[in-house]
């Protein structure tokens, strides 16, 4: 099992990813690089205020960061936190594989 601290560190990431709007925003940032709020809301029914709040949740979890360009803020992905979450999921998958292998050995004997 991963270290307890690793799970604690990953919990805000998983909580932030538990919303369809935030997942859509992350997908847009993955595909489009650094984007403004206007670019992230274009073609959607989501208000700028709602997107700003969702981006703040993602930022608090360390998944995105913003950079000021004059009066405009551009948001971009912070991949290191996603990598850490992926490592936590990989550890869970490895544990699951080990549990299934143990069960298989017991059933076969």
PDB file of N, CA and C in Angstrom:
ATOM      1  N   UNK A   1       0.846  -1.187   0.000  1.00  0.00           N
ATOM      2  CA  UNK A   1       0.000   0.000   0.000  1.00  0.00           C
ATOM      3  C   UNK A   1       0.886   1.243   0.000  1.00  0.00           C
ATOM      4  N   UNK A   2       0.519   2.269  -0.772  1.00  0.00           N
ATOM      5  CA  UNK A   2       1.325   3.480  -0.781  1.00  0.00           C
ATOM      6  C   UNK A   2       1.388   4.104   0.603  1.00  0.00           C
ATOM      7  N   UNK A   3       2.388   4.894   0.801  1.00  0.00           N
ATOM      8  CA  UNK A   3       2.541   5.581   2.075  1.00  0.00           C
ATOM      9  C   UNK A   3       1.324   6.443   2.361  1.00  0.00           C
ATOM     10  N   UNK A   4       0.980   6.537   3.642  1.00  0.00           N
ATOM     11  CA  UNK A   4      -0.194   7.307   4.069  1.00  0.00           C
ATOM     12  C   UNK A   4      -0.112   8.749   3.560  1.00  0.00           C
ATOM     13  N   UNK A   5       1.058   9.352   3.619  1.00  0.00           N
ATOM     14  CA  UNK A   5       1.214  10.739   3.170  1.00  0.00           C
ATOM     15  C   UNK A   5       0.879  10.878   1.687  1.00  0.00           C
ATOM     16  N   UNK A   6       1.226   9.867   0.897  1.00  0.00           N
ATOM     17  CA  UNK A   6       0.920   9.915  -0.536  1.00  0.00           C
ATOM     18  C   UNK A   6      -0.587   9.942  -0.760  1.00  0.00           C
ATOM     19  N   UNK A   7      -1.334   9.172   0.026  1.00  0.00           N
ATOM     20  CA  UNK A   7      -2.782   9.180  -0.097  1.00  0.00           C
ATOM     21  C   UNK A   7      -3.350  10.524   0.329  1.00  0.00           C
ATOM     22  N   UNK A   8      -2.822  11.064   1.415  1.00  0.00           N
ATOM     23  CA  UNK A   8      -3.291  12.369   1.867  1.00  0.00           C
ATOM     24  C   UNK A   8      -3.016  13.435   0.823  1.00  0.00           C
ATOM     25  N   UNK A   9      -1.856  13.371   0.193  1.00  0.00           N
ATOM     26  CA  UNK A   9      -1.500  14.345  -0.839  1.00  0.00           C
ATOM     27  C   UNK A   9      -2.389  14.215  -2.069  1.00  0.00           C
ATOM     28  N   UNK A  10      -2.818  12.988  -2.373  1.00  0.00           N
ATOM     29  CA  UNK A  10      -3.624  12.752  -3.573  1.00  0.00           C
ATOM     30  C   UNK A  10      -5.107  13.028  -3.362  1.00  0.00           C
ATOM     31  N   UNK A  11      -5.569  13.030  -2.129  1.00  0.00           N
ATOM     32  CA  UNK A  11      -7.010  13.197  -1.867  1.00  0.00           C
ATOM     33  C   UNK A  11      -7.585  14.477  -2.477  1.00  0.00           C
ATOM     34  N   UNK A  12      -6.942  15.646  -2.333  1.00  0.00           N
ATOM     35  CA  UNK A  12      -7.507  16.855  -2.956  1.00  0.00           C
ATOM     36  C   UNK A  12      -7.562  16.760  -4.483  1.00  0.00           C
ATOM     37  N   UNK A  13      -6.612  16.048  -5.064  1.00  0.00           N
ATOM     38  CA  UNK A  13      -6.604  15.877  -6.519  1.00  0.00           C
ATOM     39  C   UNK A  13      -7.823  15.076  -6.948  1.00  0.00           C
ATOM     40  N   UNK A  14      -8.049  13.937  -6.266  1.00  0.00           N
ATOM     41  CA  UNK A  14      -9.191  13.108  -6.627  1.00  0.00           C
ATOM     42  C   UNK A  14     -10.507  13.831  -6.363  1.00  0.00           C
ATOM     43  N   UNK A  15     -10.577  14.600  -5.300  1.00  0.00           N
ATOM     44  CA  UNK A  15     -11.789  15.380  -5.010  1.00  0.00           C
ATOM     45  C   UNK A  15     -12.037  16.408  -6.116  1.00  0.00           C
ATOM     46  N   UNK A  16     -10.986  17.080  -6.553  1.00  0.00           N
ATOM     47  CA  UNK A  16     -11.126  18.089  -7.613  1.00  0.00           C
ATOM     48  C   UNK A  16     -11.528  17.451  -8.937  1.00  0.00           C
ATOM     49  N   UNK A  17     -11.060  16.228  -9.182  1.00  0.00           N
ATOM     50  CA  UNK A  17     -11.384  15.548 -10.434  1.00  0.00           C
ATOM     51  C   UNK A  17     -12.777  14.935 -10.430  1.00  0.00           C
ATOM     52  N   UNK A  18     -13.463  14.994  -9.290  1.00  0.00           N
ATOM     53  CA  UNK A  18     -14.773  14.386  -9.170  1.00  0.00           C
ATOM     54  C   UNK A  18     -15.912  15.254  -9.679  1.00  0.00           C
ATOM     55  N   UNK A  19     -15.652  16.125 -10.616  1.00  0.00           N
ATOM     56  CA  UNK A  19     -16.678  17.014 -11.162  1.00  0.00           C
ATOM     57  C   UNK A  19     -16.512  17.077 -12.682  1.00  0.00           C
ATOM     58  N   UNK A  20     -17.608  16.874 -13.397  1.00  0.00           N
ATOM     59  CA  UNK A  20     -17.554  16.837 -14.867  1.00  0.00           C
ATOM     60  C   UNK A  20     -17.058  18.147 -15.471  1.00  0.00           C
ATOM     61  N   UNK A  21     -17.453  19.277 -14.894  1.00  0.00           N
ATOM     62  CA  UNK A  21     -17.009  20.565 -15.427  1.00  0.00           C
ATOM     63  C   UNK A  21     -15.505  20.715 -15.266  1.00  0.00           C
ATOM     64  N   UNK A  22     -14.994  20.341 -14.117  1.00  0.00           N
ATOM     65  CA  UNK A  22     -13.544  20.453 -13.901  1.00  0.00           C
ATOM     66  C   UNK A  22     -12.779  19.504 -14.816  1.00  0.00           C
ATOM     67  N   UNK A  23     -13.316  18.314 -15.048  1.00  0.00           N
ATOM     68  CA  UNK A  23     -12.666  17.391 -15.983  1.00  0.00           C
ATOM     69  C   UNK A  23     -12.640  17.977 -17.386  1.00  0.00           C
ATOM     70  N   UNK A  24     -13.735  18.626 -17.780  1.00  0.00           N
ATOM     71  CA  UNK A  24     -13.783  19.257 -19.107  1.00  0.00           C
ATOM     72  C   UNK A  24     -12.752  20.377 -19.209  1.00  0.00           C
ATOM     73  N   UNK A  25     -12.630  21.162 -18.141  1.00  0.00           N
ATOM     74  CA  UNK A  25     -11.639  22.241 -18.133  1.00  0.00           C
ATOM     75  C   UNK A  25     -10.226  21.683 -18.248  1.00  0.00           C
ATOM     76  N   UNK A  26      -9.937  20.607 -17.516  1.00  0.00           N
ATOM     77  CA  UNK A  26      -8.608  19.998 -17.623  1.00  0.00           C
ATOM     78  C   UNK A  26      -8.346  19.481 -19.026  1.00  0.00           C
ATOM     79  N   UNK A  27      -9.356  18.854 -19.621  1.00  0.00           N
ATOM     80  CA  UNK A  27      -9.203  18.353 -20.993  1.00  0.00           C
ATOM     81  C   UNK A  27      -8.912  19.498 -21.955  1.00  0.00           C
ATOM     82  N   UNK A  28      -9.597  20.610 -21.781  1.00  0.00           N
ATOM     83  CA  UNK A  28      -9.363  21.772 -22.642  1.00  0.00           C
ATOM     84  C   UNK A  28      -7.944  22.294 -22.461  1.00  0.00           C
ATOM     85  N   UNK A  29      -7.476  22.331 -21.223  1.00  0.00           N
ATOM     86  CA  UNK A  29      -6.118  22.822 -20.975  1.00  0.00           C
ATOM     87  C   UNK A  29      -5.068  21.848 -21.504  1.00  0.00           C
ATOM     88  N   UNK A  30      -5.364  20.562 -21.466  1.00  0.00           N
ATOM     89  CA  UNK A  30      -4.442  19.571 -22.038  1.00  0.00           C
ATOM     90  C   UNK A  30      -4.327  19.751 -23.545  1.00  0.00           C
ATOM     91  N   UNK A  31      -5.445  20.037 -24.183  1.00  0.00           N
ATOM     92  CA  UNK A  31      -5.476  20.152 -25.640  1.00  0.00           C
ATOM     93  C   UNK A  31      -5.021  21.512 -26.143  1.00  0.00           C
ATOM     94  N   UNK A  32      -5.270  22.560 -25.338  1.00  0.00           N
ATOM     95  CA  UNK A  32      -5.051  23.894 -25.862  1.00  0.00           C
ATOM     96  C   UNK A  32      -3.959  24.705 -25.220  1.00  0.00           C
ATOM     97  N   UNK A  33      -3.211  24.130 -24.291  1.00  0.00           N
ATOM     98  CA  UNK A  33      -2.178  24.917 -23.622  1.00  0.00           C
ATOM     99  C   UNK A  33      -2.782  25.937 -22.683  1.00  0.00           C
ATOM    100  N   UNK A  34      -2.095  27.044 -22.472  1.00  0.00           N
ATOM    101  CA  UNK A  34      -2.569  28.101 -21.564  1.00  0.00           C
ATOM    102  C   UNK A  34      -3.741  28.832 -22.210  1.00  0.00           C
ATOM    103  N   UNK A  35      -4.855  28.892 -21.467  1.00  0.00           N
ATOM    104  CA  UNK A  35      -6.070  29.498 -22.003  1.00  0.00           C
ATOM    105  C   UNK A  35      -6.650  30.503 -21.019  1.00  0.00           C
ATOM    106  N   UNK A  36      -7.312  31.499 -21.538  1.00  0.00           N
ATOM    107  CA  UNK A  36      -7.988  32.503 -20.712  1.00  0.00           C
ATOM    108  C   UNK A  36      -9.371  31.986 -20.313  1.00  0.00           C
ATOM    109  N   UNK A  37      -9.983  32.671 -19.365  1.00  0.00           N
ATOM    110  CA  UNK A  37     -11.346  32.336 -18.957  1.00  0.00           C
ATOM    111  C   UNK A  37     -12.282  32.470 -20.162  1.00  0.00           C
ATOM    112  N   UNK A  38     -12.103  33.508 -20.956  1.00  0.00           N
ATOM    113  CA  UNK A  38     -12.951  33.706 -22.139  1.00  0.00           C
ATOM    114  C   UNK A  38     -12.828  32.523 -23.094  1.00  0.00           C
ATOM    115  N   UNK A  39     -11.613  32.049 -23.292  1.00  0.00           N
ATOM    116  CA  UNK A  39     -11.416  30.897 -24.176  1.00  0.00           C
ATOM    117  C   UNK A  39     -12.036  29.636 -23.586  1.00  0.00           C
ATOM    118  N   UNK A  40     -11.955  29.479 -22.268  1.00  0.00           N
ATOM    119  CA  UNK A  40     -12.500  28.289 -21.623  1.00  0.00           C
ATOM    120  C   UNK A  40     -14.027  28.283 -21.590  1.00  0.00           C
ATOM    121  N   UNK A  41     -14.646  29.452 -21.635  1.00  0.00           N
ATOM    122  CA  UNK A  41     -16.110  29.518 -21.605  1.00  0.00           C
ATOM    123  C   UNK A  41     -16.722  29.606 -22.996  1.00  0.00           C
ATOM    124  N   UNK A  42     -15.920  29.870 -24.005  1.00  0.00           N
ATOM    125  CA  UNK A  42     -16.441  30.016 -25.374  1.00  0.00           C
ATOM    126  C   UNK A  42     -17.188  28.752 -25.801  1.00  0.00           C
ATOM    127  N   UNK A  43     -18.407  28.949 -26.310  1.00  0.00           N
ATOM    128  CA  UNK A  43     -19.196  27.837 -26.807  1.00  0.00           C
ATOM    129  C   UNK A  43     -19.838  26.987 -25.726  1.00  0.00           C
ATOM    130  N   UNK A  44     -19.828  27.452 -24.482  1.00  0.00           N
ATOM    131  CA  UNK A  44     -20.460  26.709 -23.390  1.00  0.00           C
ATOM    132  C   UNK A  44     -21.523  27.577 -22.735  1.00  0.00           C
ATOM    133  N   UNK A  45     -22.333  26.945 -21.922  1.00  0.00           N
ATOM    134  CA  UNK A  45     -23.354  27.675 -21.172  1.00  0.00           C
ATOM    135  C   UNK A  45     -22.860  28.026 -19.770  1.00  0.00           C
ATOM    136  N   UNK A  46     -21.610  27.729 -19.497  1.00  0.00           N
ATOM    137  CA  UNK A  46     -21.038  27.971 -18.171  1.00  0.00           C
ATOM    138  C   UNK A  46     -20.590  29.425 -18.075  1.00  0.00           C
ATOM    139  N   UNK A  47     -20.937  30.071 -16.980  1.00  0.00           N
ATOM    140  CA  UNK A  47     -20.560  31.476 -16.799  1.00  0.00           C
ATOM    141  C   UNK A  47     -19.074  31.600 -16.480  1.00  0.00           C
ATOM    142  N   UNK A  48     -18.557  32.776 -16.716  1.00  0.00           N
ATOM    143  CA  UNK A  48     -17.155  33.056 -16.383  1.00  0.00           C
ATOM    144  C   UNK A  48     -16.921  32.881 -14.885  1.00  0.00           C
ATOM    145  N   UNK A  49     -17.895  33.304 -14.076  1.00  0.00           N
ATOM    146  CA  UNK A  49     -17.756  33.169 -12.620  1.00  0.00           C
ATOM    147  C   UNK A  49     -17.680  31.703 -12.214  1.00  0.00           C
ATOM    148  N   UNK A  50     -18.514  30.863 -12.822  1.00  0.00           N
ATOM    149  CA  UNK A  50     -18.502  29.433 -12.500  1.00  0.00           C
ATOM    150  C   UNK A  50     -17.174  28.802 -12.900  1.00  0.00           C
ATOM    151  N   UNK A  51     -16.684  29.137 -14.082  1.00  0.00           N
ATOM    152  CA  UNK A  51     -15.397  28.601 -14.538  1.00  0.00           C
ATOM    153  C   UNK A  51     -14.278  29.061 -13.614  1.00  0.00           C
ATOM    154  N   UNK A  52     -14.326  30.313 -13.203  1.00  0.00           N
ATOM    155  CA  UNK A  52     -13.313  30.836 -12.286  1.00  0.00           C
ATOM    156  C   UNK A  52     -13.313  30.038 -10.982  1.00  0.00           C
ATOM    157  N   UNK A  53     -14.495  29.749 -10.449  1.00  0.00           N
ATOM    158  CA  UNK A  53     -14.582  28.966  -9.210  1.00  0.00           C
ATOM    159  C   UNK A  53     -14.039  27.561  -9.405  1.00  0.00           C
ATOM    160  N   UNK A  54     -14.385  26.931 -10.526  1.00  0.00           N
ATOM    161  CA  UNK A  54     -13.877  25.580 -10.805  1.00  0.00           C
ATOM    162  C   UNK A  54     -12.354  25.593 -10.977  1.00  0.00           C
ATOM    163  N   UNK A  55     -11.844  26.594 -11.659  1.00  0.00           N
ATOM    164  CA  UNK A  55     -10.392  26.697 -11.831  1.00  0.00           C
ATOM    165  C   UNK A  55      -9.696  26.901 -10.487  1.00  0.00           C
ATOM    166  N   UNK A  56     -10.326  27.629  -9.582  1.00  0.00           N
ATOM    167  CA  UNK A  56      -9.733  27.835  -8.260  1.00  0.00           C
ATOM    168  C   UNK A  56      -9.661  26.518  -7.487  1.00  0.00           C
ATOM    169  N   UNK A  57     -10.683  25.679  -7.613  1.00  0.00           N
ATOM    170  CA  UNK A  57     -10.652  24.352  -6.980  1.00  0.00           C
ATOM    171  C   UNK A  57      -9.503  23.537  -7.559  1.00  0.00           C
ATOM    172  N   UNK A  58      -9.364  23.574  -8.876  1.00  0.00           N
ATOM    173  CA  UNK A  58      -8.267  22.849  -9.532  1.00  0.00           C
ATOM    174  C   UNK A  58      -6.909  23.407  -9.106  1.00  0.00           C
ATOM    175  N   UNK A  59      -6.820  24.715  -8.971  1.00  0.00           N
ATOM    176  CA  UNK A  59      -5.566  25.347  -8.538  1.00  0.00           C
ATOM    177  C   UNK A  59      -5.248  24.974  -7.094  1.00  0.00           C
ATOM    178  N   UNK A  60      -6.253  24.966  -6.236  1.00  0.00           N
ATOM    179  CA  UNK A  60      -6.045  24.598  -4.835  1.00  0.00           C
ATOM    180  C   UNK A  60      -5.545  23.161  -4.705  1.00  0.00           C
ATOM    181  N   UNK A  61      -5.953  22.310  -5.647  1.00  0.00           N
ATOM    182  CA  UNK A  61      -5.496  20.920  -5.658  1.00  0.00           C
ATOM    183  C   UNK A  61      -4.141  20.776  -6.348  1.00  0.00           C
ATOM    184  N   UNK A  62      -3.630  21.869  -6.906  1.00  0.00           N
ATOM    185  CA  UNK A  62      -2.332  21.843  -7.576  1.00  0.00           C
ATOM    186  C   UNK A  62      -2.369  21.319  -8.995  1.00  0.00           C
ATOM    187  N   UNK A  63      -3.559  21.263  -9.600  1.00  0.00           N
ATOM    188  CA  UNK A  63      -3.696  20.715 -10.948  1.00  0.00           C
ATOM    189  C   UNK A  63      -3.511  21.738 -12.055  1.00  0.00           C
ATOM    190  N   UNK A  64      -3.768  23.002 -11.749  1.00  0.00           N
ATOM    191  CA  UNK A  64      -3.582  24.078 -12.728  1.00  0.00           C
ATOM    192  C   UNK A  64      -2.913  25.259 -12.040  1.00  0.00           C
ATOM    193  N   UNK A  65      -2.381  26.148 -12.845  1.00  0.00           N
ATOM    194  CA  UNK A  65      -1.813  27.404 -12.325  1.00  0.00           C
ATOM    195  C   UNK A  65      -2.176  28.498 -13.306  1.00  0.00           C
ATOM    196  N   UNK A  66      -2.152  29.713 -12.806  1.00  0.00           N
ATOM    197  CA  UNK A  66      -2.466  30.834 -13.681  1.00  0.00           C
ATOM    198  C   UNK A  66      -1.265  31.757 -13.792  1.00  0.00           C
ATOM    199  N   UNK A  67      -1.203  32.418 -14.910  1.00  0.00           N
ATOM    200  CA  UNK A  67      -0.179  33.420 -15.172  1.00  0.00           C
ATOM    201  C   UNK A  67      -0.884  34.664 -15.672  1.00  0.00           C
ATOM    202  N   UNK A  68      -0.469  35.793 -15.157  1.00  0.00           N
ATOM    203  CA  UNK A  68      -1.059  37.068 -15.603  1.00  0.00           C
ATOM    204  C   UNK A  68      -0.340  37.549 -16.854  1.00  0.00           C
ATOM    205  N   UNK A  69      -1.142  37.984 -17.802  1.00  0.00           N
ATOM    206  CA  UNK A  69      -0.650  38.607 -19.025  1.00  0.00           C
ATOM    207  C   UNK A  69      -1.410  39.910 -19.152  1.00  0.00           C
ATOM    208  N   UNK A  70      -0.863  40.969 -18.577  1.00  0.00           N
ATOM    209  CA  UNK A  70      -1.595  42.232 -18.524  1.00  0.00           C
ATOM    210  C   UNK A  70      -2.769  42.088 -17.579  1.00  0.00           C
ATOM    211  N   UNK A  71      -3.956  42.377 -18.060  1.00  0.00           N
ATOM    212  CA  UNK A  71      -5.163  42.236 -17.242  1.00  0.00           C
ATOM    213  C   UNK A  71      -5.747  40.830 -17.308  1.00  0.00           C
ATOM    214  N   UNK A  72      -5.227  40.028 -18.207  1.00  0.00           N
ATOM    215  CA  UNK A  72      -5.778  38.694 -18.442  1.00  0.00           C
ATOM    216  C   UNK A  72      -4.992  37.623 -17.674  1.00  0.00           C
ATOM    217  N   UNK A  73      -5.725  36.658 -17.177  1.00  0.00           N
ATOM    218  CA  UNK A  73      -5.101  35.501 -16.551  1.00  0.00           C
ATOM    219  C   UNK A  73      -5.215  34.333 -17.514  1.00  0.00           C
ATOM    220  N   UNK A  74      -4.109  33.652 -17.719  1.00  0.00           N
ATOM    221  CA  UNK A  74      -4.112  32.453 -18.554  1.00  0.00           C
ATOM    222  C   UNK A  74      -3.849  31.261 -17.653  1.00  0.00           C
ATOM    223  N   UNK A  75      -4.662  30.237 -17.829  1.00  0.00           N
ATOM    224  CA  UNK A  75      -4.577  29.039 -17.005  1.00  0.00           C
ATOM    225  C   UNK A  75      -3.905  27.923 -17.781  1.00  0.00           C
ATOM    226  N   UNK A  76      -3.076  27.158 -17.060  1.00  0.00           N
ATOM    227  CA  UNK A  76      -2.415  26.020 -17.704  1.00  0.00           C
ATOM    228  C   UNK A  76      -2.336  24.845 -16.744  1.00  0.00           C
ATOM    229  N   UNK A  77      -2.177  23.684 -17.334  1.00  0.00           N
ATOM    230  CA  UNK A  77      -2.105  22.437 -16.594  1.00  0.00           C
ATOM    231  C   UNK A  77      -0.815  22.365 -15.786  1.00  0.00           C
ATOM    232  N   UNK A  78      -0.897  21.762 -14.609  1.00  0.00           N
ATOM    233  CA  UNK A  78       0.280  21.471 -13.770  1.00  0.00           C
ATOM    234  C   UNK A  78       0.407  19.951 -13.738  1.00  0.00           C
ATOM    235  N   UNK A  79       1.176  19.375 -14.667  1.00  0.00           N
ATOM    236  CA  UNK A  79       1.176  17.917 -14.837  1.00  0.00           C
ATOM    237  C   UNK A  79       1.751  17.114 -13.667  1.00  0.00           C
ATOM    238  N   UNK A  80       2.570  17.699 -12.837  1.00  0.00           N
ATOM    239  CA  UNK A  80       3.196  16.916 -11.769  1.00  0.00           C
ATOM    240  C   UNK A  80       2.170  16.351 -10.795  1.00  0.00           C
ATOM    241  N   UNK A  81       1.104  17.096 -10.527  1.00  0.00           N
ATOM    242  CA  UNK A  81       0.076  16.598  -9.600  1.00  0.00           C
ATOM    243  C   UNK A  81      -0.723  15.460 -10.238  1.00  0.00           C
ATOM    244  N   UNK A  82      -0.937  15.531 -11.526  1.00  0.00           N
ATOM    245  CA  UNK A  82      -1.629  14.444 -12.218  1.00  0.00           C
ATOM    246  C   UNK A  82      -0.756  13.203 -12.209  1.00  0.00           C
ATOM    247  N   UNK A  83       0.537  13.374 -12.391  1.00  0.00           N
ATOM    248  CA  UNK A  83       1.462  12.246 -12.334  1.00  0.00           C
ATOM    249  C   UNK A  83       1.436  11.589 -10.959  1.00  0.00           C
ATOM    250  N   UNK A  84       1.371  12.382  -9.897  1.00  0.00           N
ATOM    251  CA  UNK A  84       1.315  11.833  -8.541  1.00  0.00           C
ATOM    252  C   UNK A  84       0.017  11.042  -8.334  1.00  0.00           C
ATOM    253  N   UNK A  85      -1.094  11.552  -8.849  1.00  0.00           N
ATOM    254  CA  UNK A  85      -2.366  10.842  -8.739  1.00  0.00           C
ATOM    255  C   UNK A  85      -2.316   9.536  -9.530  1.00  0.00           C
ATOM    256  N   UNK A  86      -1.697   9.572 -10.687  1.00  0.00           N
ATOM    257  CA  UNK A  86      -1.547   8.370 -11.505  1.00  0.00           C
ATOM    258  C   UNK A  86      -0.727   7.320 -10.756  1.00  0.00           C
ATOM    259  N   UNK A  87       0.317   7.756 -10.075  1.00  0.00           N
ATOM    260  CA  UNK A  87       1.130   6.824  -9.292  1.00  0.00           C
ATOM    261  C   UNK A  87       0.303   6.180  -8.184  1.00  0.00           C
ATOM    262  N   UNK A  88      -0.560   6.954  -7.538  1.00  0.00           N
ATOM    263  CA  UNK A  88      -1.431   6.400  -6.498  1.00  0.00           C
ATOM    264  C   UNK A  88      -2.371   5.359  -7.100  1.00  0.00           C
ATOM    265  N   UNK A  89      -2.937   5.650  -8.270  1.00  0.00           N
ATOM    266  CA  UNK A  89      -3.820   4.689  -8.930  1.00  0.00           C
ATOM    267  C   UNK A  89      -3.053   3.446  -9.375  1.00  0.00           C
ATOM    268  N   UNK A  90      -1.818   3.622  -9.834  1.00  0.00           N
ATOM    269  CA  UNK A  90      -0.991   2.474 -10.212  1.00  0.00           C
ATOM    270  C   UNK A  90      -0.735   1.574  -9.004  1.00  0.00           C
ATOM    271  N   UNK A  91      -0.520   2.177  -7.843  1.00  0.00           N
ATOM    272  CA  UNK A  91      -0.298   1.398  -6.623  1.00  0.00           C
ATOM    273  C   UNK A  91      -1.554   0.611  -6.258  1.00  0.00           C
ATOM    274  N   UNK A  92      -2.715   1.228  -6.406  1.00  0.00           N
ATOM    275  CA  UNK A  92      -3.972   0.524  -6.146  1.00  0.00           C
ATOM    276  C   UNK A  92      -4.132  -0.645  -7.121  1.00  0.00           C
ATOM    277  N   UNK A  93      -3.825  -0.400  -8.384  1.00  0.00           N
ATOM    278  CA  UNK A  93      -3.942  -1.456  -9.395  1.00  0.00           C
ATOM    279  C   UNK A  93      -3.001  -2.616  -9.074  1.00  0.00           C
ATOM    280  N   UNK A  94      -1.799  -2.314  -8.627  1.00  0.00           N
ATOM    281  CA  UNK A  94      -0.843  -3.374  -8.281  1.00  0.00           C
ATOM    282  C   UNK A  94      -1.364  -4.192  -7.104  1.00  0.00           C
ATOM    283  N   UNK A  95      -1.927  -3.522  -6.112  1.00  0.00           N
ATOM    284  CA  UNK A  95      -2.506  -4.240  -4.971  1.00  0.00           C
ATOM    285  C   UNK A  95      -3.652  -5.140  -5.421  1.00  0.00           C
ATOM    286  N   UNK A  96      -4.476  -4.636  -6.300  1.00  0.00           N
ATOM    287  CA  UNK A  96      -5.600  -5.401  -6.808  1.00  0.00           C
ATOM    288  C   UNK A  96      -5.097  -6.636  -7.557  1.00  0.00           C
ATOM    289  N   UNK A  97      -4.084  -6.463  -8.395  1.00  0.00           N
ATOM    290  CA  UNK A  97      -3.510  -7.587  -9.134  1.00  0.00           C
ATOM    291  C   UNK A  97      -2.955  -8.640  -8.181  1.00  0.00           C
ATOM    292  N   UNK A  98      -2.286  -8.198  -7.112  1.00  0.00           N
ATOM    293  CA  UNK A  98      -1.743  -9.135  -6.124  1.00  0.00           C
ATOM    294  C   UNK A  98      -2.866  -9.892  -5.413  1.00  0.00           C
ATOM    295  N   UNK A  99      -3.931  -9.193  -5.059  1.00  0.00           N
ATOM    296  CA  UNK A  99      -5.067  -9.840  -4.390  1.00  0.00           C
ATOM    297  C   UNK A  99      -5.725 -10.873  -5.304  1.00  0.00           C
ATOM    298  N   UNK A 100      -5.873 -10.541  -6.573  1.00  0.00           N
ATOM    299  CA  UNK A 100      -6.455 -11.492  -7.521  1.00  0.00           C
ATOM    300  C   UNK A 100      -5.555 -12.706  -7.715  1.00  0.00           C
ATOM    301  N   UNK A 101      -4.251 -12.487  -7.748  1.00  0.00           N
ATOM    302  CA  UNK A 101      -3.305 -13.604  -7.892  1.00  0.00           C
ATOM    303  C   UNK A 101      -3.386 -14.532  -6.676  1.00  0.00           C
ATOM    304  N   UNK A 102      -3.491 -13.956  -5.479  1.00  0.00           N
ATOM    305  CA  UNK A 102      -3.628 -14.779  -4.268  1.00  0.00           C
ATOM    306  C   UNK A 102      -4.924 -15.581  -4.311  1.00  0.00           C
ATOM    307  N   UNK A 103      -6.001 -14.951  -4.713  1.00  0.00           N
ATOM    308  CA  UNK A 103      -7.280 -15.635  -4.804  1.00  0.00           C
ATOM    309  C   UNK A 103      -7.216 -16.778  -5.830  1.00  0.00           C
ATOM    310  N   UNK A 104      -6.589 -16.516  -6.957  1.00  0.00           N
ATOM    311  CA  UNK A 104      -6.460 -17.526  -8.000  1.00  0.00           C
ATOM    312  C   UNK A 104      -5.681 -18.725  -7.481  1.00  0.00           C
ATOM    313  N   UNK A 105      -4.586 -18.466  -6.758  1.00  0.00           N
ATOM    314  CA  UNK A 105      -3.785 -19.567  -6.196  1.00  0.00           C
ATOM    315  C   UNK A 105      -4.621 -20.399  -5.212  1.00  0.00           C
ATOM    316  N   UNK A 106      -5.420 -19.754  -4.398  1.00  0.00           N
ATOM    317  CA  UNK A 106      -6.255 -20.476  -3.431  1.00  0.00           C
ATOM    318  C   UNK A 106      -7.318 -21.313  -4.117  1.00  0.00           C
ATOM    319  N   UNK A 107      -7.922 -20.772  -5.147  1.00  0.00           N
ATOM    320  CA  UNK A 107      -8.984 -21.490  -5.856  1.00  0.00           C
ATOM    321  C   UNK A 107      -8.420 -22.691  -6.609  1.00  0.00           C
ATOM    322  N   UNK A 108      -7.227 -22.537  -7.169  1.00  0.00           N
ATOM    323  CA  UNK A 108      -6.621 -23.602  -7.953  1.00  0.00           C
ATOM    324  C   UNK A 108      -6.061 -24.730  -7.100  1.00  0.00           C
ATOM    325  N   UNK A 109      -5.869 -24.489  -5.819  1.00  0.00           N
ATOM    326  CA  UNK A 109      -5.298 -25.551  -4.955  1.00  0.00           C
ATOM    327  C   UNK A 109      -6.332 -26.256  -4.177  1.00  0.00           C
TER     328      UNK A 109
END
